[in-house]
Amino acid sequence: MDTFAIICLCLSGLFIMFPIIGSIHTVVLNFLASSSFEDCKTIILHRKARTPESQKPAEKSNLPLEEEYGSEKKYTCTEKVMKSFAIQENFSAVMAGTSQNQEYPTLNGIRILSLLWIISGHTSMLSGVLNIDNSLEWLSNVLEKPQYIYVVSGPYFLGVDAFFFLRIQPLHLTSILIFIGLVSLVKWGIFREMLKFHSDSCRVGWWANILLINNFMSLQKTCLGWTWYLSADFQFHLTVPLVIFLYVRAKRVMIAVVTLTCAASVITTTFISYFLKLPIHNPKCESQCRENYWAEYYERPYCRYGPFLVGMILAILLVGKQSLYFKNRTQAALGWISALALMLTVISLAFVLDDTQSSYSVMAALYQGLHRTLWAVVLGLIFILCHEGYGGIVTTLLSFDVWGFLSKISYAGYLVHPIIIYFYCGLQEELFHYQDLNMLYLFIGHCALTFIVALLFTVLVEIPFQRLMSI
């Protein structure tokens, strides 16, 4: 184990030690503020020497106990910091409050279903890349057939574009520390090379994750490759103040700027896809083509700005709306037909258009430039329909209380689930056989472990730092 790994392990240990100390400190504070302790304090403070004066009947106070001994205790800054790390309070914060208390509960369902889609895709992709013995069958089935759209078939990881909202950095950086530390501790199996590749990349490019520019790094220097969207999402949010300013001061200018920006993103992505002949789905071409797919398109913010722009405009429209967008059931029915037709088009075209290197078509490049933005439009339509009372069973499904709980730990779930999958694959000593049932079994196991670990990360890291920011 080298010095870098030791430093990572020590820093990871702090994220465990602080919550333990904070929990003990909070228990002591709560005991000191409890009625039992106050009763003991009252007896001690009222005890007097045994003199004739003391034998007189005591006058009963009409004041409440807290008024006799001062108002509720004001916590010092140090005490507030310690309470921020208290496990019992942070766990209660995660468990308390469901989607019933939220204005847009359907967003929770969309977010969690998107996360499950991402986990399903990574379960199949990483297992298929690392350690299955019938890779040809996996390639011909999972990567080519429409019924495997929930895995990695068709448009590549559309769930990512539906998932993110801006979160803070501590959990992101903690996942890097723990990943590097555990990689150096565990005795891996025969598939250690992929883990070593990611570990070595983090040793070189960890600073880019801190600065949130790792989506501009080369593949060999990208630390925890799946965190590229955190940087892209942060970069997207830098444009929000300008759009809001234009919305308040000059709505027509805002419309023009938004339209031109969206068009620029689509055109840029289309030209990049056409000249580099980037595949529509499943970058299974030669190594240079795959590297171009990830480095020049998939992780670049100017190619992924469309979905964020759609979400931002949707939020502005919802806040500033004066009336319902769908006035009656007829309009709502047309909205549902449009949304479902557009969804079907986005998915089906991926299996129809020609994206082979030898005969790459203009339509394939245009699809590459448009399909993620169109997918965001579909989700926006479904959300508005549900929010305005035309969702029916869809609203019920997306508004389950369990989604409200899981959405609180969804960010941690996104960060840790590839680590869990990599660790599982890296510990294997032999290949396993691809079958749909095996993949389903792995998916269920990875989801269960993901949400357990995500709950721990949320309680130990994410919520404490959120509470520290409010002090």
Protein backbone atom coordinates (compact mmCIF):
# COMPACT_ATOMS: atom_id res chain seq x y z
CA MET A 1 0.00 0.00 0.00
CA ASP A 2 1.46 3.36 -1.04
CA THR A 3 1.25 6.77 0.63
CA PHE A 4 -1.60 7.98 -1.57
CA ALA A 5 -3.79 5.03 -0.58
CA ILE A 6 -2.95 5.49 3.11
CA ILE A 7 -3.97 9.16 2.93
CA CYS A 8 -7.25 8.18 1.29
CA LEU A 9 -7.93 5.59 3.99
CA CYS A 10 -7.18 8.06 6.78
CA LEU A 11 -9.47 10.69 5.27
CA SER A 12 -12.18 8.06 4.81
CA GLY A 13 -11.80 7.16 8.48
CA LEU A 14 -12.57 10.74 9.44
CA PHE A 15 -15.97 10.46 7.78
CA ILE A 16 -16.68 7.54 10.11
CA MET A 17 -15.16 9.08 13.24
CA PHE A 18 -16.97 12.43 13.01
CA PRO A 19 -20.49 10.88 12.98
CA ILE A 20 -19.61 8.66 15.94
CA ILE A 21 -18.31 11.61 17.97
CA GLY A 22 -21.25 13.76 16.89
CA SER A 23 -23.72 11.05 17.90
CA ILE A 24 -22.21 10.64 21.37
CA HIS A 25 -22.07 14.39 21.84
CA THR A 26 -25.73 14.73 20.84
CA VAL A 27 -26.77 11.98 23.24
CA VAL A 28 -25.06 13.87 26.08
CA LEU A 29 -26.69 17.17 25.06
CA ASN A 30 -30.11 15.56 24.87
CA PHE A 31 -29.65 14.02 28.31
CA LEU A 32 -28.63 17.34 29.79
CA ALA A 33 -31.75 18.91 28.30
CA SER A 34 -34.06 16.07 29.34
CA SER A 35 -36.73 16.30 32.06
CA SER A 36 -34.95 13.69 34.20
CA PHE A 37 -31.82 15.78 34.37
CA GLU A 38 -33.88 18.92 35.02
CA ASP A 39 -35.68 17.17 37.90
CA CYS A 40 -32.35 16.23 39.46
CA LYS A 41 -31.10 19.78 38.99
CA THR A 42 -34.27 21.15 40.61
CA ILE A 43 -33.83 19.00 43.70
CA ILE A 44 -30.21 20.03 44.07
CA LEU A 45 -30.88 23.73 43.56
CA HIS A 46 -33.80 23.77 46.04
CA ARG A 47 -32.03 21.80 48.78
CA LYS A 48 -31.39 24.08 51.78
CA ALA A 49 -29.83 23.73 55.18
CA ARG A 50 -32.05 22.33 57.96
CA THR A 51 -32.88 25.50 59.89
CA PRO A 52 -36.20 26.68 61.35
CA GLU A 53 -36.55 28.93 58.33
CA SER A 54 -36.17 26.01 56.03
CA GLN A 55 -38.94 24.08 57.74
CA LYS A 56 -41.51 26.63 56.59
CA PRO A 57 -43.85 25.42 53.84
CA ALA A 58 -42.34 26.19 50.49
CA GLU A 59 -44.26 28.47 48.22
CA LYS A 60 -45.25 26.80 45.00
CA SER A 61 -43.93 28.56 41.95
CA ASN A 62 -46.38 29.44 39.20
CA LEU A 63 -43.59 29.62 36.62
CA PRO A 64 -42.85 26.70 34.28
CA LEU A 65 -39.59 24.91 34.87
CA GLU A 66 -37.96 26.34 31.74
CA GLU A 67 -38.82 29.87 32.82
CA GLU A 68 -37.29 29.29 36.27
CA TYR A 69 -33.97 28.23 34.84
CA GLY A 70 -33.90 30.17 31.65
CA SER A 71 -35.20 29.56 28.17
CA GLU A 72 -34.27 26.66 25.93
CA LYS A 73 -30.55 26.18 25.60
CA LYS A 74 -28.88 28.07 22.79
CA TYR A 75 -26.35 25.81 21.10
CA THR A 76 -22.89 27.13 20.47
CA CYS A 77 -21.32 26.93 17.02
CA THR A 78 -19.24 23.91 18.08
CA GLU A 79 -22.32 22.14 19.40
CA LYS A 80 -24.19 22.83 16.16
CA VAL A 81 -21.30 21.37 14.18
CA MET A 82 -21.26 18.24 16.33
CA LYS A 83 -25.03 17.84 16.05
CA SER A 84 -24.72 18.10 12.27
CA PHE A 85 -22.85 14.78 12.30
CA ALA A 86 -25.22 13.01 14.72
CA ILE A 87 -26.25 9.74 13.10
CA GLN A 88 -29.57 9.52 14.95
CA GLU A 89 -30.70 12.96 13.77
CA ASN A 90 -29.51 12.51 10.20
CA PHE A 91 -31.15 9.09 9.95
CA SER A 92 -34.41 10.60 11.19
CA ALA A 93 -34.08 13.34 8.57
CA VAL A 94 -33.84 10.73 5.82
CA MET A 95 -36.74 8.66 7.11
CA ALA A 96 -39.04 11.61 7.86
CA GLY A 97 -41.17 13.28 5.22
CA THR A 98 -42.58 11.56 2.16
CA SER A 99 -43.74 12.63 -1.25
CA GLN A 100 -47.06 13.68 0.32
CA ASN A 101 -45.29 16.77 1.59
CA GLN A 102 -43.82 17.69 -1.76
CA GLU A 103 -45.32 19.82 -4.48
CA TYR A 104 -44.07 17.63 -7.32
CA PRO A 105 -44.08 14.02 -6.03
CA THR A 106 -43.98 12.51 -9.53
CA LEU A 107 -40.40 13.75 -9.91
CA ASN A 108 -39.34 11.24 -7.25
CA GLY A 109 -40.69 8.36 -9.29
CA ILE A 110 -39.02 9.61 -12.47
CA ARG A 111 -35.71 10.03 -10.66
CA ILE A 112 -35.69 6.59 -9.03
CA LEU A 113 -36.88 4.74 -12.13
CA SER A 114 -34.10 6.50 -14.05
CA LEU A 115 -31.59 5.41 -11.42
CA LEU A 116 -32.81 1.81 -11.63
CA TRP A 117 -32.40 2.01 -15.41
CA ILE A 118 -28.83 3.22 -14.95
CA ILE A 119 -28.02 0.44 -12.45
CA SER A 120 -29.54 -2.12 -14.81
CA GLY A 121 -27.43 -0.83 -17.69
CA HIS A 122 -24.22 -0.81 -15.67
CA THR A 123 -24.96 -4.29 -14.29
CA SER A 124 -25.17 -5.65 -17.81
CA MET A 125 -22.45 -3.55 -19.40
CA LEU A 126 -19.76 -3.99 -16.76
CA SER A 127 -20.48 -7.68 -16.30
CA GLY A 128 -20.46 -8.18 -20.07
CA VAL A 129 -17.15 -6.36 -20.43
CA LEU A 130 -15.42 -8.03 -17.50
CA ASN A 131 -16.38 -11.61 -16.83
CA ILE A 132 -18.90 -13.57 -18.88
CA ASP A 133 -17.95 -16.68 -20.81
CA ASN A 134 -20.48 -16.34 -23.66
CA SER A 135 -19.77 -12.78 -24.75
CA LEU A 136 -20.94 -13.39 -28.33
CA GLU A 137 -24.42 -14.31 -27.13
CA TRP A 138 -24.43 -11.25 -24.89
CA LEU A 139 -23.43 -9.03 -27.82
CA SER A 140 -26.09 -10.44 -30.15
CA ASN A 141 -28.90 -10.33 -27.57
CA VAL A 142 -28.40 -7.49 -25.12
CA LEU A 143 -26.83 -4.95 -27.44
CA GLU A 144 -29.05 -5.44 -30.46
CA LYS A 145 -32.61 -6.36 -29.51
CA PRO A 146 -35.27 -3.76 -28.57
CA GLN A 147 -36.61 -5.81 -25.65
CA TYR A 148 -33.33 -5.08 -23.83
CA ILE A 149 -33.91 -1.32 -23.87
CA TYR A 150 -33.98 -1.41 -20.05
CA VAL A 151 -30.36 -2.59 -20.08
CA VAL A 152 -28.02 -1.05 -22.67
CA SER A 153 -29.81 -1.69 -25.96
CA GLY A 154 -31.01 1.23 -28.05
CA PRO A 155 -30.34 4.88 -27.10
CA TYR A 156 -27.42 4.80 -24.73
CA PHE A 157 -28.24 5.61 -21.10
CA LEU A 158 -31.15 8.01 -21.54
CA GLY A 159 -31.79 7.52 -17.84
CA VAL A 160 -28.80 9.71 -17.05
CA ASP A 161 -30.43 12.71 -18.72
CA ALA A 162 -33.52 12.30 -16.53
CA PHE A 163 -31.76 11.79 -13.21
CA PHE A 164 -29.65 14.71 -12.08
CA PHE A 165 -30.23 17.73 -9.92
CA LEU A 166 -27.31 19.71 -8.55
CA ARG A 167 -25.85 18.32 -5.31
CA ILE A 168 -22.82 19.21 -3.23
CA GLN A 169 -19.27 17.92 -3.51
CA PRO A 170 -18.47 16.10 -0.23
CA LEU A 171 -20.18 12.84 -1.17
CA HIS A 172 -18.53 12.88 -4.59
CA LEU A 173 -15.04 13.28 -3.12
CA THR A 174 -15.73 10.76 -0.34
CA SER A 175 -16.58 8.11 -2.92
CA ILE A 176 -13.17 8.69 -4.54
CA LEU A 177 -11.34 8.31 -1.22
CA ILE A 178 -13.18 5.13 -0.31
CA PHE A 179 -12.74 3.64 -3.77
CA ILE A 180 -8.97 4.16 -3.80
CA GLY A 181 -8.64 3.00 -0.20
CA LEU A 182 -10.62 -0.21 -0.70
CA VAL A 183 -8.90 -1.06 -3.97
CA SER A 184 -5.57 -1.01 -2.11
CA LEU A 185 -6.88 -3.22 0.72
CA VAL A 186 -8.84 -5.98 -1.00
CA LYS A 187 -7.25 -9.04 -2.54
CA TRP A 188 -8.77 -9.09 -6.01
CA GLY A 189 -9.44 -11.96 -8.38
CA ILE A 190 -8.39 -12.48 -11.97
CA PHE A 191 -10.33 -9.43 -13.20
CA ARG A 192 -8.31 -6.88 -11.28
CA GLU A 193 -7.14 -4.94 -14.32
CA MET A 194 -10.28 -2.82 -14.68
CA LEU A 195 -10.14 -1.83 -11.01
CA LYS A 196 -6.45 -1.04 -11.31
CA PHE A 197 -7.18 1.12 -14.35
CA HIS A 198 -9.75 3.19 -12.44
CA SER A 199 -7.55 3.40 -9.38
CA ASP A 200 -4.56 4.60 -11.42
CA SER A 201 -6.79 7.13 -13.21
CA CYS A 202 -7.87 8.56 -9.85
CA ARG A 203 -4.26 8.93 -8.75
CA VAL A 204 -3.64 11.09 -11.80
CA GLY A 205 -6.89 12.97 -12.31
CA TRP A 206 -8.46 13.37 -8.84
CA TRP A 207 -7.90 17.14 -8.93
CA ALA A 208 -10.20 17.48 -11.96
CA ASN A 209 -13.04 16.02 -9.89
CA ILE A 210 -12.46 18.65 -7.22
CA LEU A 211 -12.59 21.42 -9.83
CA LEU A 212 -15.56 19.73 -11.57
CA ILE A 213 -13.88 19.64 -14.95
CA ASN A 214 -13.28 15.89 -15.19
CA ASN A 215 -15.64 15.66 -18.17
CA PHE A 216 -12.90 17.38 -20.20
CA MET A 217 -10.19 14.90 -19.16
CA SER A 218 -8.96 12.07 -21.34
CA LEU A 219 -10.31 8.60 -20.61
CA GLN A 220 -6.97 7.56 -19.10
CA LYS A 221 -7.13 10.40 -16.57
CA THR A 222 -10.83 10.34 -15.67
CA CYS A 223 -11.35 9.42 -12.03
CA LEU A 224 -14.54 7.39 -11.50
CA GLY A 225 -15.68 7.79 -15.07
CA TRP A 226 -19.38 7.79 -14.20
CA THR A 227 -18.96 11.08 -12.28
CA TRP A 228 -18.46 13.04 -15.50
CA TYR A 229 -22.08 14.21 -15.37
CA LEU A 230 -21.54 15.89 -12.01
CA SER A 231 -19.13 18.26 -13.71
CA ALA A 232 -21.42 18.73 -16.71
CA ASP A 233 -24.38 19.42 -14.43
CA PHE A 234 -22.38 21.98 -12.48
CA GLN A 235 -21.33 23.67 -15.71
CA PHE A 236 -24.94 23.71 -16.88
CA HIS A 237 -26.04 25.45 -13.69
CA LEU A 238 -23.60 28.29 -14.32
CA THR A 239 -25.93 29.41 -17.11
CA VAL A 240 -29.06 29.50 -14.94
CA PRO A 241 -28.62 33.07 -13.58
CA LEU A 242 -28.38 34.49 -17.11
CA VAL A 243 -31.53 32.71 -18.27
CA ILE A 244 -33.48 33.81 -15.18
CA PHE A 245 -32.22 37.39 -15.58
CA LEU A 246 -33.40 37.46 -19.18
CA TYR A 247 -36.72 35.91 -18.18
CA VAL A 248 -37.32 38.72 -15.67
CA ARG A 249 -36.04 41.59 -17.83
CA ALA A 250 -36.65 40.55 -21.44
CA LYS A 251 -38.65 37.39 -22.11
CA ARG A 252 -38.35 37.67 -25.89
CA VAL A 253 -34.58 37.91 -25.64
CA MET A 254 -34.60 34.88 -23.37
CA ILE A 255 -36.65 32.90 -25.87
CA ALA A 256 -34.23 33.85 -28.65
CA VAL A 257 -31.15 32.97 -26.55
CA VAL A 258 -32.62 29.64 -25.42
CA THR A 259 -33.64 28.71 -28.96
CA LEU A 260 -30.25 29.58 -30.43
CA THR A 261 -28.40 27.78 -27.63
CA CYS A 262 -30.46 24.63 -28.03
CA ALA A 263 -30.00 24.73 -31.80
CA ALA A 264 -26.25 25.23 -31.38
CA SER A 265 -26.04 22.19 -29.11
CA VAL A 266 -28.00 20.04 -31.57
CA ILE A 267 -25.99 21.22 -34.60
CA THR A 268 -22.66 20.78 -32.83
CA THR A 269 -23.55 17.25 -31.74
CA THR A 270 -24.81 16.39 -35.21
CA PHE A 271 -21.61 17.58 -36.93
CA ILE A 272 -19.37 15.81 -34.40
CA SER A 273 -21.34 12.59 -34.85
CA TYR A 274 -21.27 12.79 -38.62
CA PHE A 275 -17.58 13.54 -39.09
CA LEU A 276 -16.44 11.06 -36.43
CA LYS A 277 -19.13 8.53 -37.45
CA LEU A 278 -20.23 7.98 -33.89
CA PRO A 279 -22.61 5.06 -33.32
CA ILE A 280 -26.13 5.75 -32.12
CA HIS A 281 -26.06 3.13 -29.41
CA ASN A 282 -23.62 0.71 -27.83
CA PRO A 283 -20.19 1.94 -29.00
CA LYS A 284 -19.02 -1.48 -30.14
CA CYS A 285 -16.86 -0.27 -33.04
CA GLU A 286 -13.05 -0.26 -33.05
CA SER A 287 -11.10 1.24 -30.15
CA GLN A 288 -10.60 4.69 -31.70
CA CYS A 289 -14.30 4.97 -32.50
CA ARG A 290 -15.23 4.02 -28.92
CA GLU A 291 -12.77 6.54 -27.50
CA ASN A 292 -14.20 9.26 -29.76
CA TYR A 293 -17.72 8.35 -28.62
CA TRP A 294 -16.90 8.85 -24.94
CA ALA A 295 -14.37 11.65 -25.18
CA GLU A 296 -15.77 13.81 -27.99
CA TYR A 297 -19.50 13.33 -27.52
CA TYR A 298 -20.83 11.48 -24.49
CA GLU A 299 -19.09 13.52 -21.78
CA ARG A 300 -18.95 16.94 -23.43
CA PRO A 301 -21.35 19.52 -21.93
CA TYR A 302 -22.08 21.22 -25.25
CA CYS A 303 -23.42 17.91 -26.55
CA ARG A 304 -25.57 17.30 -23.46
CA TYR A 305 -26.96 20.76 -22.75
CA GLY A 306 -30.31 20.18 -24.45
CA PRO A 307 -31.99 18.04 -21.73
CA PHE A 308 -30.87 20.43 -18.99
CA LEU A 309 -32.18 23.39 -20.97
CA VAL A 310 -35.56 21.68 -21.38
CA GLY A 311 -35.74 21.04 -17.63
CA MET A 312 -34.79 24.61 -16.79
CA ILE A 313 -37.40 26.09 -19.12
CA LEU A 314 -40.00 23.69 -17.72
CA ALA A 315 -39.23 24.90 -14.19
CA ILE A 316 -39.54 28.55 -15.26
CA LEU A 317 -42.86 27.87 -16.99
CA LEU A 318 -44.27 26.06 -13.95
CA VAL A 319 -43.28 28.86 -11.59
CA GLY A 320 -44.60 31.63 -13.81
CA LYS A 321 -47.73 29.96 -15.18
CA GLN A 322 -51.08 31.71 -14.74
CA SER A 323 -53.35 28.82 -15.75
CA LEU A 324 -53.28 25.15 -16.70
CA TYR A 325 -51.48 24.21 -19.91
CA PHE A 326 -54.00 21.44 -20.65
CA LYS A 327 -57.49 22.96 -20.44
CA ASN A 328 -59.56 19.80 -20.93
CA ARG A 329 -59.40 16.05 -21.42
CA THR A 330 -59.14 16.35 -25.19
CA GLN A 331 -55.97 18.42 -24.95
CA ALA A 332 -54.62 16.06 -22.31
CA ALA A 333 -55.30 13.05 -24.55
CA LEU A 334 -53.42 14.75 -27.40
CA GLY A 335 -50.59 15.45 -24.97
CA TRP A 336 -50.36 11.80 -23.97
CA ILE A 337 -50.48 10.66 -27.59
CA SER A 338 -47.70 13.09 -28.49
CA ALA A 339 -45.54 12.05 -25.54
CA LEU A 340 -45.93 8.32 -26.17
CA ALA A 341 -45.44 8.68 -29.93
CA LEU A 342 -42.28 10.74 -29.39
CA MET A 343 -40.99 8.22 -26.84
CA LEU A 344 -41.60 5.34 -29.25
CA THR A 345 -39.89 7.26 -32.06
CA VAL A 346 -36.79 8.00 -29.99
CA ILE A 347 -36.43 4.34 -29.00
CA SER A 348 -37.34 2.69 -32.30
CA LEU A 349 -35.20 4.87 -34.57
CA ALA A 350 -32.08 3.66 -32.77
CA PHE A 351 -32.71 0.20 -34.24
CA VAL A 352 -33.61 1.43 -37.72
CA LEU A 353 -31.05 4.07 -38.68
CA ASP A 354 -27.76 3.01 -40.25
CA ASP A 355 -24.81 3.97 -38.05
CA THR A 356 -22.20 1.56 -39.39
CA GLN A 357 -18.78 3.03 -40.13
CA SER A 358 -18.84 2.16 -43.82
CA SER A 359 -22.24 3.72 -44.62
CA TYR A 360 -22.90 6.25 -41.89
CA SER A 361 -26.03 8.30 -42.66
CA VAL A 362 -26.89 11.95 -42.08
CA MET A 363 -30.08 10.85 -40.32
CA ALA A 364 -28.04 8.88 -37.80
CA ALA A 365 -26.00 11.98 -36.99
CA LEU A 366 -29.13 14.13 -36.73
CA TYR A 367 -30.70 11.55 -34.42
CA GLN A 368 -27.59 11.66 -32.26
CA GLY A 369 -27.96 15.41 -31.98
CA LEU A 370 -31.68 15.41 -31.20
CA HIS A 371 -32.72 12.29 -29.33
CA ARG A 372 -31.63 13.26 -25.80
CA THR A 373 -33.35 16.63 -26.00
CA LEU A 374 -36.50 14.98 -27.36
CA TRP A 375 -36.41 12.48 -24.51
CA ALA A 376 -36.35 15.38 -22.05
CA VAL A 377 -39.36 16.88 -23.85
CA VAL A 378 -41.19 13.56 -23.41
CA LEU A 379 -40.50 13.53 -19.69
CA GLY A 380 -41.55 17.17 -19.43
CA LEU A 381 -44.88 16.46 -21.12
CA ILE A 382 -45.55 13.46 -18.87
CA PHE A 383 -44.67 15.49 -15.79
CA ILE A 384 -47.01 18.38 -16.71
CA LEU A 385 -49.85 15.97 -17.53
CA CYS A 386 -49.45 14.25 -14.16
CA HIS A 387 -49.09 17.51 -12.28
CA GLU A 388 -52.26 18.97 -13.81
CA GLY A 389 -54.36 15.93 -12.94
CA TYR A 390 -54.34 13.97 -16.19
CA GLY A 391 -51.86 11.28 -15.20
CA GLY A 392 -54.23 8.64 -13.82
CA ILE A 393 -52.43 5.47 -12.88
CA VAL A 394 -49.11 6.95 -14.05
CA THR A 395 -49.37 9.67 -11.40
CA THR A 396 -50.20 7.05 -8.78
CA LEU A 397 -47.19 4.91 -9.74
CA LEU A 398 -44.76 7.83 -9.85
CA SER A 399 -46.02 9.26 -6.54
CA PHE A 400 -45.53 6.22 -4.30
CA ASP A 401 -44.20 7.22 -0.89
CA VAL A 402 -41.26 4.85 -1.26
CA TRP A 403 -39.95 6.98 -4.15
CA GLY A 404 -39.84 9.97 -1.80
CA PHE A 405 -37.58 8.08 0.60
CA LEU A 406 -35.38 6.59 -2.11
CA SER A 407 -35.01 9.95 -3.85
CA LYS A 408 -33.28 11.29 -0.74
CA ILE A 409 -30.52 8.72 -1.14
CA SER A 410 -30.56 8.60 -4.95
CA TYR A 411 -27.49 10.80 -5.41
CA ALA A 412 -25.43 8.54 -3.17
CA GLY A 413 -26.91 5.58 -5.02
CA TYR A 414 -25.68 6.92 -8.35
CA LEU A 415 -22.17 7.43 -6.99
CA VAL A 416 -21.73 4.08 -5.25
CA HIS A 417 -23.49 1.60 -7.51
CA PRO A 418 -20.65 1.30 -10.10
CA ILE A 419 -18.20 0.77 -7.22
CA ILE A 420 -20.35 -2.09 -5.94
CA ILE A 421 -20.57 -3.63 -9.41
CA TYR A 422 -16.83 -3.26 -10.02
CA PHE A 423 -16.05 -4.80 -6.64
CA TYR A 424 -18.35 -7.74 -7.31
CA CYS A 425 -16.81 -8.37 -10.72
CA GLY A 426 -13.27 -7.83 -9.43
CA LEU A 427 -13.65 -10.44 -6.68
CA GLN A 428 -14.70 -13.20 -9.07
CA GLU A 429 -12.19 -15.98 -9.69
CA GLU A 430 -13.82 -17.34 -12.84
CA LEU A 431 -16.19 -16.39 -15.65
CA PHE A 432 -19.94 -16.72 -15.26
CA HIS A 433 -22.51 -17.61 -17.91
CA TYR A 434 -24.78 -14.93 -19.34
CA GLN A 435 -28.51 -15.61 -18.97
CA ASP A 436 -31.37 -13.22 -18.48
CA LEU A 437 -32.11 -14.80 -15.10
CA ASN A 438 -28.50 -14.36 -13.98
CA MET A 439 -28.56 -10.71 -14.99
CA LEU A 440 -31.88 -10.16 -13.20
CA TYR A 441 -30.44 -11.78 -10.07
CA LEU A 442 -27.37 -9.55 -10.23
CA PHE A 443 -29.53 -6.48 -10.84
CA ILE A 444 -31.66 -7.16 -7.76
CA GLY A 445 -28.57 -7.78 -5.63
CA HIS A 446 -26.80 -4.68 -6.88
CA CYS A 447 -29.91 -2.56 -6.24
CA ALA A 448 -30.28 -3.88 -2.69
CA LEU A 449 -26.62 -3.25 -1.84
CA THR A 450 -26.70 0.13 -3.59
CA PHE A 451 -29.58 1.47 -1.51
CA ILE A 452 -28.12 0.11 1.74
CA VAL A 453 -24.74 1.69 1.10
CA ALA A 454 -26.40 4.85 -0.26
CA LEU A 455 -28.35 5.22 2.99
CA LEU A 456 -25.11 4.98 4.98
CA PHE A 457 -23.34 7.52 2.74
CA THR A 458 -26.28 9.91 2.93
CA VAL A 459 -26.46 9.74 6.73
CA LEU A 460 -22.71 9.85 7.32
CA VAL A 461 -21.64 12.36 4.67
CA GLU A 462 -24.28 14.10 2.57
CA ILE A 463 -26.73 15.32 5.23
CA PRO A 464 -24.01 16.39 7.72
CA PHE A 465 -22.43 18.69 5.16
CA GLN A 466 -25.83 20.02 4.10
CA ARG A 467 -26.54 20.87 7.74
CA LEU A 468 -23.11 22.47 8.12
CA MET A 469 -23.89 24.77 5.21
CA SER A 470 -26.98 26.04 7.04
CA ILE A 471 -25.15 26.95 10.26
